[in-house]
C-alpha atoms as a PDB file:
ATOM      1  CA  MET A   1       0.215  26.364  14.110  1.00  0.00           C
ATOM      2  CA  GLY A   2       3.891  25.938  13.955  1.00  0.00           C
ATOM      3  CA  PRO A   3       5.888  24.200  16.547  1.00  0.00           C
ATOM      4  CA  GLY A   4       6.502  27.471  18.411  1.00  0.00           C
ATOM      5  CA  GLY A   5       2.815  28.429  18.424  1.00  0.00           C
ATOM      6  CA  HIS A   6       1.248  29.570  21.500  1.00  0.00           C
ATOM      7  CA  SER A   7      -2.132  31.221  22.433  1.00  0.00           C
ATOM      8  CA  HIS A   8      -3.911  32.202  25.759  1.00  0.00           C
ATOM      9  CA  GLU A   9      -6.898  34.388  26.304  1.00  0.00           C
ATOM     10  CA  PRO A  10      -8.771  35.417  29.494  1.00  0.00           C
ATOM     11  CA  HIS A  11     -11.226  33.276  30.717  1.00  0.00           C
ATOM     12  CA  GLY A  12     -14.616  33.477  32.642  1.00  0.00           C
ATOM     13  CA  HIS A  13     -16.690  36.377  33.709  1.00  0.00           C
ATOM     14  CA  ALA A  14     -15.480  39.812  34.340  1.00  0.00           C
ATOM     15  CA  PRO A  15     -15.033  40.488  38.285  1.00  0.00           C
ATOM     16  CA  GLY A  16     -17.867  42.255  39.682  1.00  0.00           C
ATOM     17  CA  LEU A  17     -20.137  41.920  36.673  1.00  0.00           C
ATOM     18  CA  ASP A  18     -23.444  41.863  38.853  1.00  0.00           C
ATOM     19  CA  THR A  19     -22.593  44.911  40.672  1.00  0.00           C
ATOM     20  CA  ASP A  20     -21.614  46.738  37.708  1.00  0.00           C
ATOM     21  CA  LEU A  21     -25.083  45.760  36.185  1.00  0.00           C
ATOM     22  CA  ARG A  22     -26.741  47.029  39.178  1.00  0.00           C
ATOM     23  CA  TRP A  23     -25.043  50.393  38.870  1.00  0.00           C
ATOM     24  CA  LEU A  24     -25.950  50.544  35.155  1.00  0.00           C
ATOM     25  CA  SER A  25     -29.682  49.695  35.702  1.00  0.00           C
ATOM     26  CA  GLY A  26     -30.064  52.243  38.380  1.00  0.00           C
ATOM     27  CA  ALA A  27     -28.613  55.000  35.956  1.00  0.00           C
ATOM     28  CA  LEU A  28     -30.917  53.779  33.307  1.00  0.00           C
ATOM     29  CA  THR A  29     -33.980  53.749  35.600  1.00  0.00           C
ATOM     30  CA  LEU A  30     -33.201  57.323  36.608  1.00  0.00           C
ATOM     31  CA  ILE A  31     -32.535  58.729  33.098  1.00  0.00           C
ATOM     32  CA  VAL A  32     -35.800  56.982  31.557  1.00  0.00           C
ATOM     33  CA  GLY A  33     -37.967  58.386  34.382  1.00  0.00           C
ATOM     34  CA  PHE A  34     -36.788  61.943  33.938  1.00  0.00           C
ATOM     35  CA  MET A  35     -36.766  61.699  30.060  1.00  0.00           C
ATOM     36  CA  LEU A  36     -40.517  60.936  30.074  1.00  0.00           C
ATOM     37  CA  VAL A  37     -41.158  64.180  32.230  1.00  0.00           C
ATOM     38  CA  GLU A  38     -38.926  66.213  29.962  1.00  0.00           C
ATOM     39  CA  VAL A  39     -40.949  65.211  26.976  1.00  0.00           C
ATOM     40  CA  LEU A  40     -44.224  66.374  28.495  1.00  0.00           C
ATOM     41  CA  VAL A  41     -42.794  69.692  29.840  1.00  0.00           C
ATOM     42  CA  GLY A  42     -40.960  70.290  26.493  1.00  0.00           C
ATOM     43  CA  LEU A  43     -44.340  70.074  24.730  1.00  0.00           C
ATOM     44  CA  ALA A  44     -46.119  72.155  27.104  1.00  0.00           C
ATOM     45  CA  ALA A  45     -43.408  74.784  27.178  1.00  0.00           C
ATOM     46  CA  SER A  46     -42.979  74.629  23.342  1.00  0.00           C
ATOM     47  CA  SER A  47     -39.360  74.184  24.020  1.00  0.00           C
ATOM     48  CA  LEU A  48     -37.265  72.685  21.109  1.00  0.00           C
ATOM     49  CA  ALA A  49     -34.194  72.793  23.534  1.00  0.00           C
ATOM     50  CA  LEU A  50     -35.833  70.734  26.138  1.00  0.00           C
ATOM     51  CA  LEU A  51     -37.282  68.095  23.508  1.00  0.00           C
ATOM     52  CA  SER A  52     -33.484  67.947  22.064  1.00  0.00           C
ATOM     53  CA  ASP A  53     -32.262  67.179  25.650  1.00  0.00           C
ATOM     54  CA  ALA A  54     -35.006  64.646  26.024  1.00  0.00           C
ATOM     55  CA  ALA A  55     -33.863  63.052  22.711  1.00  0.00           C
ATOM     56  CA  HIS A  56     -30.333  63.306  23.912  1.00  0.00           C
ATOM     57  CA  MET A  57     -31.316  61.633  27.220  1.00  0.00           C
ATOM     58  CA  LEU A  58     -33.148  58.743  25.115  1.00  0.00           C
ATOM     59  CA  SER A  59     -29.722  58.278  23.522  1.00  0.00           C
ATOM     60  CA  ASP A  60     -28.171  57.982  26.897  1.00  0.00           C
ATOM     61  CA  ALA A  61     -30.749  55.480  27.940  1.00  0.00           C
ATOM     62  CA  ALA A  62     -30.188  53.475  24.816  1.00  0.00           C
ATOM     63  CA  ALA A  63     -26.483  53.683  25.368  1.00  0.00           C
ATOM     64  CA  ILE A  64     -26.806  52.377  28.896  1.00  0.00           C
ATOM     65  CA  GLY A  65     -29.357  49.753  27.879  1.00  0.00           C
ATOM     66  CA  LEU A  66     -27.012  48.503  25.003  1.00  0.00           C
ATOM     67  CA  ALA A  67     -24.058  48.513  27.651  1.00  0.00           C
ATOM     68  CA  VAL A  68     -26.197  46.208  29.999  1.00  0.00           C
ATOM     69  CA  LEU A  69     -27.223  43.879  27.258  1.00  0.00           C
ATOM     70  CA  ALA A  70     -23.604  43.815  25.772  1.00  0.00           C
ATOM     71  CA  ALA A  71     -22.309  43.113  29.243  1.00  0.00           C
ATOM     72  CA  ARG A  72     -24.325  40.219  29.583  1.00  0.00           C
ATOM     73  CA  LEU A  73     -23.433  38.955  26.103  1.00  0.00           C
ATOM     74  CA  ALA A  74     -19.810  39.587  26.395  1.00  0.00           C
ATOM     75  CA  ALA A  75     -19.602  37.576  29.573  1.00  0.00           C
ATOM     76  CA  ARG A  76     -20.791  34.270  27.860  1.00  0.00           C
ATOM     77  CA  PRO A  77     -18.081  31.757  27.366  1.00  0.00           C
ATOM     78  CA  ALA A  78     -16.830  31.112  23.970  1.00  0.00           C
ATOM     79  CA  ARG A  79     -18.564  28.050  22.292  1.00  0.00           C
ATOM     80  CA  GLY A  80     -19.168  26.568  18.956  1.00  0.00           C
ATOM     81  CA  ASN A  81     -18.272  28.810  15.864  1.00  0.00           C
ATOM     82  CA  PHE A  82     -18.196  32.034  18.151  1.00  0.00           C
ATOM     83  CA  THR A  83     -14.500  31.218  19.095  1.00  0.00           C
ATOM     84  CA  PHE A  84     -14.278  34.621  20.802  1.00  0.00           C
ATOM     85  CA  GLY A  85     -17.719  34.403  22.411  1.00  0.00           C
ATOM     86  CA  LEU A  86     -19.937  37.459  21.841  1.00  0.00           C
ATOM     87  CA  LYS A  87     -17.298  40.034  23.185  1.00  0.00           C
ATOM     88  CA  ARG A  88     -18.002  42.524  20.208  1.00  0.00           C
ATOM     89  CA  ALA A  89     -21.441  42.851  21.154  1.00  0.00           C
ATOM     90  CA  GLU A  90     -20.332  46.022  23.176  1.00  0.00           C
ATOM     91  CA  ILE A  91     -18.730  47.323  19.941  1.00  0.00           C
ATOM     92  CA  LEU A  92     -21.905  46.799  17.906  1.00  0.00           C
ATOM     93  CA  SER A  93     -24.024  48.587  20.662  1.00  0.00           C
ATOM     94  CA  ALA A  94     -21.488  51.567  20.711  1.00  0.00           C
ATOM     95  CA  LEU A  95     -21.706  51.805  16.754  1.00  0.00           C
ATOM     96  CA  VAL A  96     -25.387  51.697  16.757  1.00  0.00           C
ATOM     97  CA  ASN A  97     -25.596  54.353  19.521  1.00  0.00           C
ATOM     98  CA  GLY A  98     -23.062  56.682  17.647  1.00  0.00           C
ATOM     99  CA  VAL A  99     -25.192  56.381  14.269  1.00  0.00           C
ATOM    100  CA  THR A 100     -28.308  57.231  16.119  1.00  0.00           C
ATOM    101  CA  LEU A 101     -26.762  60.283  17.675  1.00  0.00           C
ATOM    102  CA  LEU A 102     -25.672  61.757  14.299  1.00  0.00           C
ATOM    103  CA  LEU A 103     -29.079  60.979  12.797  1.00  0.00           C
ATOM    104  CA  LEU A 104     -30.677  63.090  15.819  1.00  0.00           C
ATOM    105  CA  VAL A 105     -28.154  65.736  15.181  1.00  0.00           C
ATOM    106  CA  VAL A 106     -29.349  66.261  11.645  1.00  0.00           C
ATOM    107  CA  TRP A 107     -32.998  66.655  12.711  1.00  0.00           C
ATOM    108  CA  PHE A 108     -32.406  69.095  15.528  1.00  0.00           C
ATOM    109  CA  THR A 109     -30.079  71.256  13.461  1.00  0.00           C
ATOM    110  CA  VAL A 110     -32.828  71.397  10.784  1.00  0.00           C
ATOM    111  CA  GLU A 111     -35.438  72.393  13.194  1.00  0.00           C
ATOM    112  CA  ALA A 112     -33.352  74.716  15.120  1.00  0.00           C
ATOM    113  CA  LEU A 113     -32.437  76.565  12.155  1.00  0.00           C
ATOM    114  CA  ARG A 114     -36.229  76.750  11.177  1.00  0.00           C
ATOM    115  CA  ARG A 115     -36.843  78.211  14.607  1.00  0.00           C
ATOM    116  CA  LEU A 116     -34.155  80.746  14.440  1.00  0.00           C
ATOM    117  CA  ALA A 117     -36.020  82.245  11.345  1.00  0.00           C
ATOM    118  CA  ASP A 118     -39.374  81.985  12.949  1.00  0.00           C
ATOM    119  CA  PRO A 119     -39.124  81.518  16.783  1.00  0.00           C
ATOM    120  CA  PRO A 120     -42.354  80.556  18.537  1.00  0.00           C
ATOM    121  CA  GLU A 121     -43.360  81.486  21.937  1.00  0.00           C
ATOM    122  CA  VAL A 122     -41.297  79.657  24.628  1.00  0.00           C
ATOM    123  CA  ARG A 123     -42.138  79.570  28.365  1.00  0.00           C
ATOM    124  CA  GLY A 124     -38.673  80.412  29.722  1.00  0.00           C
ATOM    125  CA  GLY A 125     -39.477  79.828  33.455  1.00  0.00           C
ATOM    126  CA  LEU A 126     -40.524  76.258  32.854  1.00  0.00           C
ATOM    127  CA  VAL A 127     -37.631  75.450  30.599  1.00  0.00           C
ATOM    128  CA  LEU A 128     -35.235  76.871  33.330  1.00  0.00           C
ATOM    129  CA  VAL A 129     -36.651  75.101  36.116  1.00  0.00           C
ATOM    130  CA  THR A 130     -36.886  71.762  34.124  1.00  0.00           C
ATOM    131  CA  ALA A 131     -33.441  72.012  32.855  1.00  0.00           C
ATOM    132  CA  LEU A 132     -32.013  72.690  36.323  1.00  0.00           C
ATOM    133  CA  ILE A 133     -33.605  69.618  37.733  1.00  0.00           C
ATOM    134  CA  GLY A 134     -32.365  67.682  34.522  1.00  0.00           C
ATOM    135  CA  LEU A 135     -29.035  68.824  35.290  1.00  0.00           C
ATOM    136  CA  ALA A 136     -29.154  67.447  38.994  1.00  0.00           C
ATOM    137  CA  VAL A 137     -30.823  63.942  37.659  1.00  0.00           C
ATOM    138  CA  ASN A 138     -27.887  63.904  34.970  1.00  0.00           C
ATOM    139  CA  LEU A 139     -25.202  64.326  37.548  1.00  0.00           C
ATOM    140  CA  VAL A 140     -26.648  61.531  39.805  1.00  0.00           C
ATOM    141  CA  ALA A 141     -26.949  59.096  36.992  1.00  0.00           C
ATOM    142  CA  THR A 142     -23.332  59.906  35.764  1.00  0.00           C
ATOM    143  CA  TRP A 143     -22.031  59.120  39.265  1.00  0.00           C
ATOM    144  CA  LEU A 144     -24.088  55.861  39.334  1.00  0.00           C
ATOM    145  CA  LEU A 145     -22.630  54.899  35.848  1.00  0.00           C
ATOM    146  CA  SER A 146     -19.015  55.854  36.965  1.00  0.00           C
ATOM    147  CA  ARG A 147     -19.347  53.425  39.708  1.00  0.00           C
ATOM    148  CA  ALA A 148     -19.743  50.512  37.253  1.00  0.00           C
ATOM    149  CA  GLY A 149     -16.004  50.865  36.782  1.00  0.00           C
ATOM    150  CA  ARG A 150     -16.125  48.728  33.574  1.00  0.00           C
ATOM    151  CA  ARG A 151     -13.640  49.467  30.759  1.00  0.00           C
ATOM    152  CA  SER A 152     -15.787  48.710  27.789  1.00  0.00           C
ATOM    153  CA  LEU A 153     -16.550  51.146  24.848  1.00  0.00           C
ATOM    154  CA  SER A 154     -20.144  51.040  25.486  1.00  0.00           C
ATOM    155  CA  VAL A 155     -19.903  51.988  28.985  1.00  0.00           C
ATOM    156  CA  ARG A 156     -17.311  54.628  28.227  1.00  0.00           C
ATOM    157  CA  GLY A 157     -19.571  56.100  25.702  1.00  0.00           C
ATOM    158  CA  ALA A 158     -22.692  56.028  27.658  1.00  0.00           C
ATOM    159  CA  LEU A 159     -20.730  58.027  30.337  1.00  0.00           C
ATOM    160  CA  LEU A 160     -19.378  60.402  27.729  1.00  0.00           C
ATOM    161  CA  HIS A 161     -23.141  61.085  26.634  1.00  0.00           C
ATOM    162  CA  LEU A 162     -24.068  61.731  30.344  1.00  0.00           C
ATOM    163  CA  VAL A 163     -21.115  64.266  30.647  1.00  0.00           C
ATOM    164  CA  ASN A 164     -22.292  65.990  27.344  1.00  0.00           C
ATOM    165  CA  ASP A 165     -25.836  65.992  28.366  1.00  0.00           C
ATOM    166  CA  ALA A 166     -24.945  67.890  31.728  1.00  0.00           C
ATOM    167  CA  ILE A 167     -23.474  70.532  29.603  1.00  0.00           C
ATOM    168  CA  ALA A 168     -26.389  70.524  27.336  1.00  0.00           C
ATOM    169  CA  PHE A 169     -28.772  71.040  30.434  1.00  0.00           C
ATOM    170  CA  GLY A 170     -26.634  73.861  31.282  1.00  0.00           C
ATOM    171  CA  ALA A 171     -27.059  75.563  28.077  1.00  0.00           C
ATOM    172  CA  THR A 172     -30.837  74.893  28.171  1.00  0.00           C
ATOM    173  CA  ALA A 173     -30.919  76.255  31.483  1.00  0.00           C
ATOM    174  CA  LEU A 174     -29.258  79.546  30.300  1.00  0.00           C
ATOM    175  CA  ALA A 175     -31.532  79.678  27.209  1.00  0.00           C
ATOM    176  CA  GLY A 176     -34.723  79.495  29.668  1.00  0.00           C
ATOM    177  CA  LEU A 177     -33.166  82.287  31.781  1.00  0.00           C
ATOM    178  CA  VAL A 178     -32.532  84.442  28.791  1.00  0.00           C
ATOM    179  CA  VAL A 179     -36.098  83.964  27.416  1.00  0.00           C
ATOM    180  CA  LEU A 180     -37.399  84.535  31.017  1.00  0.00           C
ATOM    181  CA  VAL A 181     -35.288  87.718  31.540  1.00  0.00           C
ATOM    182  CA  THR A 182     -35.086  89.386  28.194  1.00  0.00           C
ATOM    183  CA  GLY A 183     -37.891  87.666  26.162  1.00  0.00           C
ATOM    184  CA  TRP A 184     -35.241  86.832  23.379  1.00  0.00           C
ATOM    185  CA  ARG A 185     -36.977  83.635  22.047  1.00  0.00           C
ATOM    186  CA  PRO A 186     -34.388  82.637  19.632  1.00  0.00           C
ATOM    187  CA  ALA A 187     -32.093  81.602  22.544  1.00  0.00           C
ATOM    188  CA  ASP A 188     -34.065  78.291  22.782  1.00  0.00           C
ATOM    189  CA  ALA A 189     -33.038  77.479  19.278  1.00  0.00           C
ATOM    190  CA  VAL A 190     -29.414  78.544  19.942  1.00  0.00           C
ATOM    191  CA  ALA A 191     -29.215  76.318  22.887  1.00  0.00           C
ATOM    192  CA  THR A 192     -30.657  73.390  20.742  1.00  0.00           C
ATOM    193  CA  LEU A 193     -27.600  73.995  18.291  1.00  0.00           C
ATOM    194  CA  VAL A 194     -25.205  73.681  21.307  1.00  0.00           C
ATOM    195  CA  VAL A 195     -26.953  70.425  22.196  1.00  0.00           C
ATOM    196  CA  ALA A 196     -26.680  69.219  18.499  1.00  0.00           C
ATOM    197  CA  GLY A 197     -22.959  70.131  18.441  1.00  0.00           C
ATOM    198  CA  LEU A 198     -22.304  68.168  21.613  1.00  0.00           C
ATOM    199  CA  MET A 199     -24.293  65.096  20.259  1.00  0.00           C
ATOM    200  CA  ALA A 200     -22.205  65.330  17.052  1.00  0.00           C
ATOM    201  CA  TRP A 201     -18.921  65.327  18.855  1.00  0.00           C
ATOM    202  CA  ALA A 202     -19.980  62.218  20.842  1.00  0.00           C
ATOM    203  CA  GLY A 203     -21.439  60.540  18.009  1.00  0.00           C
ATOM    204  CA  VAL A 204     -18.355  60.862  15.724  1.00  0.00           C
ATOM    205  CA  GLY A 205     -16.141  59.519  18.533  1.00  0.00           C
ATOM    206  CA  LEU A 206     -18.204  56.501  19.041  1.00  0.00           C
ATOM    207  CA  VAL A 207     -18.450  55.681  15.423  1.00  0.00           C
ATOM    208  CA  THR A 208     -14.760  56.195  14.676  1.00  0.00           C
ATOM    209  CA  ALA A 209     -13.713  54.129  17.959  1.00  0.00           C
ATOM    210  CA  SER A 210     -16.026  51.100  17.125  1.00  0.00           C
ATOM    211  CA  SER A 211     -15.255  51.445  13.429  1.00  0.00           C
ATOM    212  CA  ARG A 212     -11.467  51.036  14.195  1.00  0.00           C
ATOM    213  CA  ILE A 213     -12.169  47.787  16.049  1.00  0.00           C
ATOM    214  CA  PHE A 214     -14.444  46.550  13.342  1.00  0.00           C
ATOM    215  CA  LEU A 215     -11.819  47.205  10.722  1.00  0.00           C
ATOM    216  CA  GLU A 216      -9.330  45.467  12.936  1.00  0.00           C
ATOM    217  CA  ALA A 217      -6.880  48.355  13.197  1.00  0.00           C
ATOM    218  CA  ALA A 218      -4.220  48.348  15.874  1.00  0.00           C
ATOM    219  CA  PRO A 219      -5.433  49.594  19.225  1.00  0.00           C
ATOM    220  CA  VAL A 220      -5.123  53.428  19.688  1.00  0.00           C
ATOM    221  CA  GLY A 221      -1.571  54.047  21.333  1.00  0.00           C
ATOM    222  CA  VAL A 222      -0.031  50.858  19.766  1.00  0.00           C
ATOM    223  CA  ASP A 223       2.671  51.425  17.485  1.00  0.00           C
ATOM    224  CA  VAL A 224       3.017  48.222  15.012  1.00  0.00           C
ATOM    225  CA  ALA A 225       6.327  49.421  13.792  1.00  0.00           C
ATOM    226  CA  ALA A 226       7.757  49.864  17.193  1.00  0.00           C
ATOM    227  CA  ILE A 227       6.654  46.180  18.150  1.00  0.00           C
ATOM    228  CA  ASP A 228       8.423  45.039  14.980  1.00  0.00           C
ATOM    229  CA  ALA A 229      11.609  46.833  15.723  1.00  0.00           C
ATOM    230  CA  ASP A 230      11.604  45.598  19.394  1.00  0.00           C
ATOM    231  CA  VAL A 231      10.996  41.857  18.534  1.00  0.00           C
ATOM    232  CA  HIS A 232      13.745  42.281  15.663  1.00  0.00           C
ATOM    233  CA  ALA A 233      16.128  43.608  18.391  1.00  0.00           C
ATOM    234  CA  LEU A 234      15.716  40.499  20.687  1.00  0.00           C
ATOM    235  CA  ALA A 235      18.790  38.156  20.700  1.00  0.00           C
ATOM    236  CA  GLY A 236      18.524  35.323  18.195  1.00  0.00           C
ATOM    237  CA  VAL A 237      15.626  36.780  16.475  1.00  0.00           C
ATOM    238  CA  THR A 238      16.321  36.854  12.644  1.00  0.00           C
ATOM    239  CA  ASP A 239      12.956  37.968  11.092  1.00  0.00           C
ATOM    240  CA  ILE A 240       9.226  38.652  11.988  1.00  0.00           C
ATOM    241  CA  HIS A 241       6.496  38.915   9.360  1.00  0.00           C
ATOM    242  CA  ASP A 242       2.776  38.514   9.007  1.00  0.00           C
ATOM    243  CA  LEU A 243       2.499  40.857  12.100  1.00  0.00           C
ATOM    244  CA  HIS A 244      -0.977  41.386  13.019  1.00  0.00           C
ATOM    245  CA  VAL A 245      -2.167  43.579  15.906  1.00  0.00           C
ATOM    246  CA  TRP A 246      -5.866  44.246  16.531  1.00  0.00           C
ATOM    247  CA  GLU A 247      -8.609  44.518  19.287  1.00  0.00           C
ATOM    248  CA  VAL A 248     -11.058  41.658  19.701  1.00  0.00           C
ATOM    249  CA  THR A 249     -12.992  44.261  21.788  1.00  0.00           C
ATOM    250  CA  SER A 250     -12.346  47.392  23.818  1.00  0.00           C
ATOM    251  CA  GLY A 251      -9.391  46.599  26.378  1.00  0.00           C
ATOM    252  CA  PHE A 252      -8.722  43.101  24.703  1.00  0.00           C
ATOM    253  CA  PRO A 253      -5.725  43.712  22.339  1.00  0.00           C
ATOM    254  CA  ALA A 254      -4.602  40.518  20.211  1.00  0.00           C
ATOM    255  CA  LEU A 255      -1.233  39.944  18.183  1.00  0.00           C
ATOM    256  CA  SER A 256      -0.369  37.159  15.815  1.00  0.00           C
ATOM    257  CA  ALA A 257       3.122  36.775  13.879  1.00  0.00           C
ATOM    258  CA  HIS A 258       5.438  34.457  12.326  1.00  0.00           C
ATOM    259  CA  VAL A 259       8.869  34.667  13.934  1.00  0.00           C
ATOM    260  CA  LEU A 260      12.192  33.237  12.699  1.00  0.00           C
ATOM    261  CA  VAL A 261      15.085  32.545  15.009  1.00  0.00           C
ATOM    262  CA  ALA A 262      18.639  31.560  14.645  1.00  0.00           C
ATOM    263  CA  PRO A 263      19.113  27.810  14.309  1.00  0.00           C
ATOM    264  CA  ASP A 264      21.303  27.708  17.581  1.00  0.00           C
ATOM    265  CA  ARG A 265      18.470  29.110  19.579  1.00  0.00           C
ATOM    266  CA  ASP A 266      15.524  27.542  21.460  1.00  0.00           C
ATOM    267  CA  CYS A 267      12.248  28.399  19.767  1.00  0.00           C
ATOM    268  CA  HIS A 268      10.164  27.797  22.951  1.00  0.00           C
ATOM    269  CA  GLU A 269      12.589  30.202  24.971  1.00  0.00           C
ATOM    270  CA  ARG A 270      12.425  32.829  22.315  1.00  0.00           C
ATOM    271  CA  ARG A 271       8.646  32.721  22.077  1.00  0.00           C
ATOM    272  CA  ALA A 272       8.651  33.145  25.910  1.00  0.00           C
ATOM    273  CA  ALA A 273      10.848  36.098  25.603  1.00  0.00           C
ATOM    274  CA  ILE A 274       8.831  37.623  22.899  1.00  0.00           C
ATOM    275  CA  GLU A 275       5.525  37.233  25.149  1.00  0.00           C
ATOM    276  CA  ASP A 276       7.132  38.670  28.044  1.00  0.00           C
ATOM    277  CA  LEU A 277       8.187  41.843  26.016  1.00  0.00           C
ATOM    278  CA  LEU A 278       4.520  42.199  24.555  1.00  0.00           C
ATOM    279  CA  ALA A 279       2.934  41.959  27.894  1.00  0.00           C
ATOM    280  CA  ARG A 280       5.473  44.170  29.724  1.00  0.00           C
ATOM    281  CA  ARG A 281       5.973  46.982  27.272  1.00  0.00           C
ATOM    282  CA  TYR A 282       2.551  46.829  25.296  1.00  0.00           C
ATOM    283  CA  ARG A 283       0.203  45.084  27.638  1.00  0.00           C
ATOM    284  CA  ILE A 284      -0.609  42.477  24.786  1.00  0.00           C
ATOM    285  CA  GLU A 285      -1.394  39.198  26.527  1.00  0.00           C
ATOM    286  CA  HIS A 286      -3.372  37.360  23.924  1.00  0.00           C
ATOM    287  CA  THR A 287      -0.790  36.307  21.481  1.00  0.00           C
ATOM    288  CA  THR A 288      -0.544  33.569  18.522  1.00  0.00           C
ATOM    289  CA  LEU A 289       3.030  33.148  17.767  1.00  0.00           C
ATOM    290  CA  GLN A 290       4.555  30.688  14.968  1.00  0.00           C
ATOM    291  CA  VAL A 291       8.150  30.427  15.885  1.00  0.00           C
ATOM    292  CA  ASP A 292      10.419  28.521  13.610  1.00  0.00           C
ATOM    293  CA  HIS A 293      14.263  28.227  12.979  1.00  0.00           C
ATOM    294  CA  ALA A 294      15.489  30.076  10.302  1.00  0.00           C
ATOM    295  CA  ALA A 295      16.547  27.971   7.006  1.00  0.00           C
ATOM    296  CA  PRO A 296      20.188  27.999   6.838  1.00  0.00           C
ATOM    297  CA  THR A 297      21.659  29.673   3.608  1.00  0.00           C
ATOM    298  CA  VAL A 298      24.231  27.718   1.825  1.00  0.00           C
ATOM    299  CA  PHE A 299      26.335  29.681  -0.590  1.00  0.00           C
ATOM    300  CA  PRO A 300      27.388  27.681  -3.798  1.00  0.00           C
ATOM    301  CA  ALA A 301      30.989  26.760  -4.130  1.00  0.00           C
ATOM    302  CA  ALA A 302      31.574  29.436  -6.885  1.00  0.00           C
ATOM    303  CA  GLN A 303      30.523  32.193  -4.490  1.00  0.00           C
ATOM    304  CA  LEU A 304      32.812  31.014  -1.889  1.00  0.00           C
ATOM    305  CA  SER A 305      36.098  31.362  -3.939  1.00  0.00           C
ATOM    306  CA  GLY A 306      38.387  34.052  -2.630  1.00  0.00           C
ATOM    307  CA  ARG A 307      36.685  34.417   0.385  1.00  0.00           C
ATOM    308  CA  ASP A 308      38.138  33.972   4.043  1.00  0.00           C
ATOM    309  CA  PRO A 309      38.404  30.158   4.427  1.00  0.00           C
ATOM    310  CA  GLY A 310      38.067  30.681   8.182  1.00  0.00           C
ATOM    311  CA  ARG A 311      34.571  32.033   7.946  1.00  0.00           C
ATOM    312  CA  THR A 312      31.579  29.885   8.206  1.00  0.00           C
ATOM    313  CA  TRP A 313      29.308  30.666   5.144  1.00  0.00           C
ATOM    314  CA  VAL A 314      26.097  29.044   6.614  1.00  0.00           C
ATOM    315  CA  GLU A 315      23.999  31.622   8.005  1.00  0.00           C
ATOM    316  CA  GLY A 316      20.560  32.336   9.218  1.00  0.00           C
ATOM    317  CA  HIS A 317      18.399  33.796   6.801  1.00  0.00           C
END
């Protein structure tokens, strides 16, 4: 690192980690318990909508379980060759969860289309009651998960799953009511397609967000060109290059750059000014800045002929 280099990083465990884990564990227990009941009822009622809801709850459980594991791993301090610790464990869990959702979408869509062509007998009353109970359970689990208050991608993904699941239970309950009142059996398959659509939306969102982090793209909402312009606009800064902005994990943006300042400016003072700008305007607090004086440009004597002798022709690059 150059003479003006500086780096700092958050230390220690996230505040309230144990409390967050208790809320996550409570939601996980509730989801898994009802999911097992829903699978049994779905088989008894021959309802693909209930079974797809159960699969969605399985993905919810996996999301919460992975969030618990990722939170524990991410809290471990950096050591050895893992210089950032295991902070990206949560991003890996979000990616796995998103891919799993998309695979389930394919299976349920194919099965729902098959059932639309040849709808089986469905016990609408049993589907309706189970879906309404599932909706209540889902709302409680959503409340528990929201209490965790962590800003990790895996927890946000799990919370998004539960919200989608609540909508899916509403669609399944409506399908059960339609079958019960009208006897129109394809309603169960239609509700399954609604659930599959919600799962696809959640899955694509998780895969996209986690992939951006793995590809080290700039955080969403951060304009790299604006950062470049703002740093250039600081007094005494003559150039900034090798500018990189990425996320180590969700909520942990990082930046590195090589900055050149005028020969008459203090490198350390300009570095502090750049750090203050980045923290205040862009909320980027983990920075690695190499700050050097710009090399003076000396014009050959031949180029100085005819120029104003009062001007100084030694300039910053």
